[in-house]
Amino acid sequence: ADLAIEADPRNTTREQLAVLRRHGF
């Protein structure tokens, strides 16, 4: 499955990315 997100680099944190990856993004 393709799980994707649009992100603003100015307010994207490593903590958010870790949440996304944990859910399979």
PDB file of all heavy atoms in Angstrom:
ATOM      1  N   ALA A   1       0.835  -1.208   0.000  1.00  0.00           N
ATOM      2  CA  ALA A   1       0.000   0.000   0.000  1.00  0.00           C
ATOM      3  C   ALA A   1       0.867   1.254   0.000  1.00  0.00           C
ATOM      4  O   ALA A   1       1.958   1.282   0.583  1.00  0.00           O
ATOM      5  CB  ALA A   1      -0.927  -0.003   1.204  1.00  0.00           C
ATOM      6  N   ASP A   2       0.374   2.287  -0.661  1.00  0.00           N
ATOM      7  CA  ASP A   2       1.083   3.556  -0.762  1.00  0.00           C
ATOM      8  C   ASP A   2       0.517   4.513   0.283  1.00  0.00           C
ATOM      9  O   ASP A   2      -0.614   4.976   0.164  1.00  0.00           O
ATOM     10  CB  ASP A   2       0.910   4.130  -2.171  1.00  0.00           C
ATOM     11  CG  ASP A   2       1.717   5.396  -2.400  1.00  0.00           C
ATOM     12  OD1 ASP A   2       2.661   5.642  -1.628  1.00  0.00           O
ATOM     13  OD2 ASP A   2       1.403   6.140  -3.350  1.00  0.00           O
ATOM     14  N   LEU A   3       1.286   4.791   1.331  1.00  0.00           N
ATOM     15  CA  LEU A   3       0.868   5.717   2.385  1.00  0.00           C
ATOM     16  C   LEU A   3       1.776   6.935   2.306  1.00  0.00           C
ATOM     17  O   LEU A   3       3.001   6.827   2.457  1.00  0.00           O
ATOM     18  CB  LEU A   3       0.969   5.061   3.770  1.00  0.00           C
ATOM     19  CG  LEU A   3      -0.217   4.180   4.206  1.00  0.00           C
ATOM     20  CD1 LEU A   3      -0.385   2.987   3.295  1.00  0.00           C
ATOM     21  CD2 LEU A   3      -0.038   3.714   5.650  1.00  0.00           C
ATOM     22  N   ALA A   4       1.175   8.094   2.050  1.00  0.00           N
ATOM     23  CA  ALA A   4       1.957   9.295   1.760  1.00  0.00           C
ATOM     24  C   ALA A   4       1.384  10.499   2.483  1.00  0.00           C
ATOM     25  O   ALA A   4       0.200  10.533   2.838  1.00  0.00           O
ATOM     26  CB  ALA A   4       1.990   9.554   0.257  1.00  0.00           C
ATOM     27  N   ILE A   5       2.228  11.504   2.677  1.00  0.00           N
ATOM     28  CA  ILE A   5       1.801  12.743   3.331  1.00  0.00           C
ATOM     29  C   ILE A   5       2.458  13.931   2.654  1.00  0.00           C
ATOM     30  O   ILE A   5       3.606  13.856   2.207  1.00  0.00           O
ATOM     31  CB  ILE A   5       2.161  12.729   4.843  1.00  0.00           C
ATOM     32  CG1 ILE A   5       1.593  13.973   5.546  1.00  0.00           C
ATOM     33  CG2 ILE A   5       3.666  12.607   5.059  1.00  0.00           C
ATOM     34  CD1 ILE A   5       1.704  13.914   7.060  1.00  0.00           C
ATOM     35  N   GLU A   6       1.709  15.021   2.531  1.00  0.00           N
ATOM     36  CA  GLU A   6       2.266  16.293   2.093  1.00  0.00           C
ATOM     37  C   GLU A   6       2.779  17.027   3.327  1.00  0.00           C
ATOM     38  O   GLU A   6       2.083  17.102   4.340  1.00  0.00           O
ATOM     39  CB  GLU A   6       1.206  17.139   1.395  1.00  0.00           C
ATOM     40  CG  GLU A   6       0.734  16.548   0.076  1.00  0.00           C
ATOM     41  CD  GLU A   6      -0.314  17.426  -0.588  1.00  0.00           C
ATOM     42  OE1 GLU A   6      -0.388  18.626  -0.254  1.00  0.00           O
ATOM     43  OE2 GLU A   6      -1.060  16.896  -1.426  1.00  0.00           O
ATOM     44  N   ALA A   7       3.983  17.581   3.239  1.00  0.00           N
ATOM     45  CA  ALA A   7       4.599  18.186   4.411  1.00  0.00           C
ATOM     46  C   ALA A   7       5.212  19.534   4.071  1.00  0.00           C
ATOM     47  O   ALA A   7       5.717  19.742   2.967  1.00  0.00           O
ATOM     48  CB  ALA A   7       5.672  17.261   4.985  1.00  0.00           C
ATOM     49  N   ASP A   8       5.164  20.425   5.031  1.00  0.00           N
ATOM     50  CA  ASP A   8       5.843  21.708   4.945  1.00  0.00           C
ATOM     51  C   ASP A   8       7.185  21.550   5.650  1.00  0.00           C
ATOM     52  O   ASP A   8       7.228  21.274   6.855  1.00  0.00           O
ATOM     53  CB  ASP A   8       4.994  22.784   5.631  1.00  0.00           C
ATOM     54  CG  ASP A   8       5.589  24.179   5.507  1.00  0.00           C
ATOM     55  OD1 ASP A   8       6.806  24.293   5.272  1.00  0.00           O
ATOM     56  OD2 ASP A   8       4.826  25.155   5.668  1.00  0.00           O
ATOM     57  N   PRO A   9       8.307  21.687   4.934  1.00  0.00           N
ATOM     58  CA  PRO A   9       9.605  21.453   5.576  1.00  0.00           C
ATOM     59  C   PRO A   9       9.885  22.396   6.739  1.00  0.00           C
ATOM     60  O   PRO A   9      10.710  22.086   7.605  1.00  0.00           O
ATOM     61  CB  PRO A   9      10.612  21.651   4.434  1.00  0.00           C
ATOM     62  CG  PRO A   9       9.881  22.433   3.396  1.00  0.00           C
ATOM     63  CD  PRO A   9       8.439  22.038   3.518  1.00  0.00           C
ATOM     64  N   ARG A  10       9.175  23.518   6.797  1.00  0.00           N
ATOM     65  CA  ARG A  10       9.415  24.478   7.876  1.00  0.00           C
ATOM     66  C   ARG A  10       8.880  24.000   9.218  1.00  0.00           C
ATOM     67  O   ARG A  10       9.314  24.495  10.267  1.00  0.00           O
ATOM     68  CB  ARG A  10       8.779  25.834   7.512  1.00  0.00           C
ATOM     69  CG  ARG A  10       9.327  26.460   6.250  1.00  0.00           C
ATOM     70  CD  ARG A  10       8.540  27.692   5.851  1.00  0.00           C
ATOM     71  NE  ARG A  10       7.142  27.358   5.555  1.00  0.00           N
ATOM     72  CZ  ARG A  10       6.214  28.265   5.248  1.00  0.00           C
ATOM     73  NH1 ARG A  10       6.539  29.541   5.198  1.00  0.00           N
ATOM     74  NH2 ARG A  10       4.983  27.895   4.991  1.00  0.00           N
ATOM     75  N   ASN A  11       7.895  23.087   9.194  1.00  0.00           N
ATOM     76  CA  ASN A  11       7.314  22.670  10.480  1.00  0.00           C
ATOM     77  C   ASN A  11       7.187  21.156  10.598  1.00  0.00           C
ATOM     78  O   ASN A  11       6.355  20.661  11.356  1.00  0.00           O
ATOM     79  CB  ASN A  11       5.945  23.348  10.701  1.00  0.00           C
ATOM     80  CG  ASN A  11       4.911  22.953   9.657  1.00  0.00           C
ATOM     81  OD1 ASN A  11       5.084  21.968   8.941  1.00  0.00           O
ATOM     82  ND2 ASN A  11       3.834  23.721   9.570  1.00  0.00           N
ATOM     83  N   THR A  12       8.020  20.426   9.854  1.00  0.00           N
ATOM     84  CA  THR A  12       8.008  18.965   9.939  1.00  0.00           C
ATOM     85  C   THR A  12       9.127  18.500  10.860  1.00  0.00           C
ATOM     86  O   THR A  12      10.293  18.839  10.632  1.00  0.00           O
ATOM     87  CB  THR A  12       8.183  18.335   8.545  1.00  0.00           C
ATOM     88  OG1 THR A  12       7.115  18.782   7.698  1.00  0.00           O
ATOM     89  CG2 THR A  12       8.149  16.817   8.630  1.00  0.00           C
ATOM     90  N   THR A  13       8.768  17.755  11.900  1.00  0.00           N
ATOM     91  CA  THR A  13       9.741  17.327  12.898  1.00  0.00           C
ATOM     92  C   THR A  13      10.068  15.839  12.749  1.00  0.00           C
ATOM     93  O   THR A  13       9.303  15.072  12.166  1.00  0.00           O
ATOM     94  CB  THR A  13       9.208  17.567  14.312  1.00  0.00           C
ATOM     95  OG1 THR A  13       8.081  16.690  14.541  1.00  0.00           O
ATOM     96  CG2 THR A  13       8.762  19.022  14.495  1.00  0.00           C
ATOM     97  N   ARG A  14      11.193  15.466  13.312  1.00  0.00           N
ATOM     98  CA  ARG A  14      11.562  14.045  13.303  1.00  0.00           C
ATOM     99  C   ARG A  14      10.539  13.222  14.082  1.00  0.00           C
ATOM    100  O   ARG A  14      10.256  12.072  13.732  1.00  0.00           O
ATOM    101  CB  ARG A  14      12.959  13.874  13.893  1.00  0.00           C
ATOM    102  CG  ARG A  14      13.522  12.461  13.714  1.00  0.00           C
ATOM    103  CD  ARG A  14      14.916  12.336  14.304  1.00  0.00           C
ATOM    104  NE  ARG A  14      15.449  10.986  14.110  1.00  0.00           N
ATOM    105  CZ  ARG A  14      16.150  10.586  13.073  1.00  0.00           C
ATOM    106  NH1 ARG A  14      16.420  11.454  12.098  1.00  0.00           N
ATOM    107  NH2 ARG A  14      16.599   9.339  12.982  1.00  0.00           N
ATOM    108  N   GLU A  15       9.964  13.811  15.141  1.00  0.00           N
ATOM    109  CA  GLU A  15       8.951  13.101  15.930  1.00  0.00           C
ATOM    110  C   GLU A  15       7.736  12.779  15.066  1.00  0.00           C
ATOM    111  O   GLU A  15       7.188  11.667  15.129  1.00  0.00           O
ATOM    112  CB  GLU A  15       8.543  13.944  17.133  1.00  0.00           C
ATOM    113  CG  GLU A  15       7.570  13.247  18.070  1.00  0.00           C
ATOM    114  CD  GLU A  15       7.133  14.124  19.219  1.00  0.00           C
ATOM    115  OE1 GLU A  15       7.445  15.339  19.203  1.00  0.00           O
ATOM    116  OE2 GLU A  15       6.463  13.608  20.131  1.00  0.00           O
ATOM    117  N   GLN A  16       7.300  13.729  14.246  1.00  0.00           N
ATOM    118  CA  GLN A  16       6.174  13.472  13.335  1.00  0.00           C
ATOM    119  C   GLN A  16       6.534  12.380  12.330  1.00  0.00           C
ATOM    120  O   GLN A  16       5.721  11.484  12.054  1.00  0.00           O
ATOM    121  CB  GLN A  16       5.805  14.756  12.589  1.00  0.00           C
ATOM    122  CG  GLN A  16       5.152  15.822  13.447  1.00  0.00           C
ATOM    123  CD  GLN A  16       5.041  17.133  12.704  1.00  0.00           C
ATOM    124  OE1 GLN A  16       5.995  17.561  12.036  1.00  0.00           O
ATOM    125  NE2 GLN A  16       3.892  17.777  12.795  1.00  0.00           N
ATOM    126  N   LEU A  17       7.732  12.458  11.771  1.00  0.00           N
ATOM    127  CA  LEU A  17       8.153  11.450  10.795  1.00  0.00           C
ATOM    128  C   LEU A  17       8.210  10.060  11.417  1.00  0.00           C
ATOM    129  O   LEU A  17       7.859   9.070  10.765  1.00  0.00           O
ATOM    130  CB  LEU A  17       9.523  11.834  10.221  1.00  0.00           C
ATOM    131  CG  LEU A  17       9.562  13.117   9.379  1.00  0.00           C
ATOM    132  CD1 LEU A  17      11.004  13.465   9.020  1.00  0.00           C
ATOM    133  CD2 LEU A  17       8.717  12.990   8.123  1.00  0.00           C
ATOM    134  N   ALA A  18       8.629   9.977  12.672  1.00  0.00           N
ATOM    135  CA  ALA A  18       8.675   8.684  13.353  1.00  0.00           C
ATOM    136  C   ALA A  18       7.274   8.109  13.523  1.00  0.00           C
ATOM    137  O   ALA A  18       7.059   6.895  13.375  1.00  0.00           O
ATOM    138  CB  ALA A  18       9.365   8.839  14.705  1.00  0.00           C
ATOM    139  N   VAL A  19       6.300   8.976  13.832  1.00  0.00           N
ATOM    140  CA  VAL A  19       4.900   8.526  13.936  1.00  0.00           C
ATOM    141  C   VAL A  19       4.431   7.978  12.590  1.00  0.00           C
ATOM    142  O   VAL A  19       3.814   6.905  12.514  1.00  0.00           O
ATOM    143  CB  VAL A  19       3.998   9.691  14.398  1.00  0.00           C
ATOM    144  CG1 VAL A  19       2.522   9.336  14.197  1.00  0.00           C
ATOM    145  CG2 VAL A  19       4.276  10.044  15.850  1.00  0.00           C
ATOM    146  N   LEU A  20       4.719   8.698  11.527  1.00  0.00           N
ATOM    147  CA  LEU A  20       4.303   8.273  10.194  1.00  0.00           C
ATOM    148  C   LEU A  20       4.913   6.924   9.828  1.00  0.00           C
ATOM    149  O   LEU A  20       4.235   6.023   9.330  1.00  0.00           O
ATOM    150  CB  LEU A  20       4.700   9.328   9.163  1.00  0.00           C
ATOM    151  CG  LEU A  20       3.981  10.674   9.263  1.00  0.00           C
ATOM    152  CD1 LEU A  20       4.688  11.718   8.423  1.00  0.00           C
ATOM    153  CD2 LEU A  20       2.526  10.551   8.846  1.00  0.00           C
ATOM    154  N   ARG A  21       6.206   6.778  10.078  1.00  0.00           N
ATOM    155  CA  ARG A  21       6.861   5.521   9.716  1.00  0.00           C
ATOM    156  C   ARG A  21       6.321   4.354  10.538  1.00  0.00           C
ATOM    157  O   ARG A  21       6.158   3.244  10.020  1.00  0.00           O
ATOM    158  CB  ARG A  21       8.379   5.650   9.922  1.00  0.00           C
ATOM    159  CG  ARG A  21       9.150   4.427   9.449  1.00  0.00           C
ATOM    160  CD  ARG A  21       8.883   4.143   7.988  1.00  0.00           C
ATOM    161  NE  ARG A  21       9.328   2.809   7.593  1.00  0.00           N
ATOM    162  CZ  ARG A  21       8.763   2.086   6.657  1.00  0.00           C
ATOM    163  NH1 ARG A  21       7.688   2.544   6.016  1.00  0.00           N
ATOM    164  NH2 ARG A  21       9.222   0.896   6.345  1.00  0.00           N
ATOM    165  N   ARG A  22       6.012   4.602  11.805  1.00  0.00           N
ATOM    166  CA  ARG A  22       5.469   3.542  12.653  1.00  0.00           C
ATOM    167  C   ARG A  22       4.132   3.034  12.109  1.00  0.00           C
ATOM    168  O   ARG A  22       3.783   1.864  12.292  1.00  0.00           O
ATOM    169  CB  ARG A  22       5.303   4.058  14.083  1.00  0.00           C
ATOM    170  CG  ARG A  22       4.941   2.970  15.093  1.00  0.00           C
ATOM    171  CD  ARG A  22       5.112   3.428  16.514  1.00  0.00           C
ATOM    172  NE  ARG A  22       4.213   4.501  16.890  1.00  0.00           N
ATOM    173  CZ  ARG A  22       4.588   5.752  17.121  1.00  0.00           C
ATOM    174  NH1 ARG A  22       5.856   6.117  17.010  1.00  0.00           N
ATOM    175  NH2 ARG A  22       3.695   6.668  17.474  1.00  0.00           N
ATOM    176  N   HIS A  23       3.417   3.897  11.422  1.00  0.00           N
ATOM    177  CA  HIS A  23       2.125   3.514  10.840  1.00  0.00           C
ATOM    178  C   HIS A  23       2.272   3.016   9.403  1.00  0.00           C
ATOM    179  O   HIS A  23       1.259   2.780   8.734  1.00  0.00           O
ATOM    180  CB  HIS A  23       1.155   4.685  10.896  1.00  0.00           C
ATOM    181  CG  HIS A  23       0.620   4.965  12.270  1.00  0.00           C
ATOM    182  ND1 HIS A  23      -0.341   4.189  12.861  1.00  0.00           N
ATOM    183  CD2 HIS A  23       0.931   5.931  13.172  1.00  0.00           C
ATOM    184  CE1 HIS A  23      -0.621   4.666  14.066  1.00  0.00           C
ATOM    185  NE2 HIS A  23       0.144   5.722  14.274  1.00  0.00           N
ATOM    186  N   GLY A  24       3.488   2.876   8.920  1.00  0.00           N
ATOM    187  CA  GLY A  24       3.700   2.290   7.605  1.00  0.00           C
ATOM    188  C   GLY A  24       3.852   3.265   6.457  1.00  0.00           C
ATOM    189  O   GLY A  24       3.846   2.849   5.289  1.00  0.00           O
ATOM    190  N   PHE A  25       3.993   4.553   6.743  1.00  0.00           N
ATOM    191  CA  PHE A  25       4.129   5.522   5.648  1.00  0.00           C
ATOM    192  C   PHE A  25       5.447   5.299   4.923  1.00  0.00           C
ATOM    193  O   PHE A  25       6.495   5.080   5.540  1.00  0.00           O
ATOM    194  CB  PHE A  25       4.040   6.948   6.188  1.00  0.00           C
ATOM    195  CG  PHE A  25       2.632   7.445   6.310  1.00  0.00           C
ATOM    196  CD1 PHE A  25       1.759   6.872   7.234  1.00  0.00           C
ATOM    197  CD2 PHE A  25       2.159   8.458   5.504  1.00  0.00           C
ATOM    198  CE1 PHE A  25       0.444   7.306   7.344  1.00  0.00           C
ATOM    199  CE2 PHE A  25       0.853   8.901   5.602  1.00  0.00           C
ATOM    200  CZ  PHE A  25      -0.008   8.320   6.523  1.00  0.00           C
TER     201      PHE A  25
END
